[in-house]
Protein backbone atom coordinates (compact mmCIF):
# COMPACT_ATOMS: atom_id res chain seq x y z
CA MET A 1 60.14 283.54 39.37
CA PHE A 2 60.97 287.18 39.80
CA ALA A 3 63.93 288.90 38.15
CA SER A 4 65.04 292.42 37.42
CA GLY A 5 63.93 293.94 34.18
CA GLN A 6 66.95 296.27 34.24
CA GLY A 7 69.58 293.76 33.17
CA PHE A 8 69.17 290.67 31.06
CA ALA A 9 71.66 288.35 32.79
CA ASP A 10 69.50 287.23 35.72
CA ALA A 11 66.36 286.66 33.66
CA LEU A 12 68.30 284.97 30.88
CA SER A 13 70.00 282.52 33.21
CA GLY A 14 66.74 281.89 35.05
CA ALA A 15 64.88 281.14 31.81
CA ALA A 16 66.18 277.56 31.72
CA LEU A 17 64.99 276.89 35.25
CA ALA A 18 61.66 278.52 34.50
CA ALA A 19 61.22 276.35 31.41
CA LEU A 20 61.99 273.17 33.36
CA SER A 21 59.49 274.04 36.07
CA GLY A 22 56.84 275.50 33.76
CA SER A 23 57.01 278.80 35.63
CA PRO A 24 56.79 282.36 34.32
CA ILE A 25 59.48 284.96 34.94
CA ILE A 26 58.03 288.24 36.11
CA LEU A 27 60.38 291.12 35.33
CA MET A 28 60.27 293.93 37.84
CA ASP A 29 62.23 296.78 39.36
CA GLU A 30 61.76 299.48 41.98
CA GLY A 31 59.39 301.41 39.70
CA ILE A 32 56.84 298.62 39.73
CA ALA A 33 56.03 299.41 43.38
CA ASP A 34 54.29 302.59 42.18
CA LYS A 35 52.19 300.81 39.56
CA THR A 36 49.10 299.95 41.59
CA ASP A 37 47.31 298.11 38.79
CA ILE A 38 50.23 295.72 38.28
CA ILE A 39 50.70 295.15 42.01
CA ASN A 40 46.97 294.47 42.45
CA GLY A 41 47.05 292.00 39.55
CA LEU A 42 49.94 290.12 41.14
CA VAL A 43 48.24 290.18 44.55
CA ASN A 44 45.19 288.53 42.95
CA LEU A 45 47.43 285.77 41.60
CA LYS A 46 49.47 285.16 44.74
CA GLU A 47 47.33 282.22 45.85
CA ASN A 48 48.53 280.37 42.74
CA VAL A 49 52.16 280.84 43.79
CA LYS A 50 53.48 277.72 45.47
CA MET A 51 57.10 278.82 45.62
CA LYS A 52 58.78 282.09 44.72
CA TRP A 53 62.28 282.32 43.35
CA ILE A 54 64.07 285.65 43.40
CA ILE A 55 66.68 285.51 40.65
CA GLY A 56 69.54 287.84 41.47
CA GLY A 57 68.52 288.28 45.10
CA GLU A 58 67.50 291.45 46.89
CA ALA A 59 69.88 293.55 44.85
CA ALA A 60 67.92 292.67 41.70
CA VAL A 61 64.37 292.64 43.07
CA PRO A 62 63.73 295.02 45.98
CA PRO A 63 62.14 293.35 49.03
CA ALA A 64 59.70 296.27 49.37
CA VAL A 65 58.16 295.32 46.03
CA LEU A 66 57.68 291.69 47.02
CA ASP A 67 56.28 292.74 50.40
CA LYS A 68 53.52 294.67 48.63
CA ILE A 69 52.55 291.51 46.75
CA PHE A 70 52.94 288.76 49.34
CA LYS A 71 52.00 290.44 52.64
C-alpha cells in the first residue's frame, strides 16, 4: 500500500486495511522520485508485490513516482 507521507489521514485510514491484509504502508511524496537509493530498493522488491493500493489516489501519490518503481 502506498500513501502520502505529507498528511496522516490517508495512511491512518489505510492502516486498518493494511493490518487485515498483512501489508506494509509505504509513505511517499513527490520528493521520493529524486531519492535513487529508495527507488532502487523498491524496484528490487516489486516482484513481491501482488497488488498495489494507492491510498488517496493520484493526488496523494504522484503517478510519476509509481512509474519509476513499476515500469
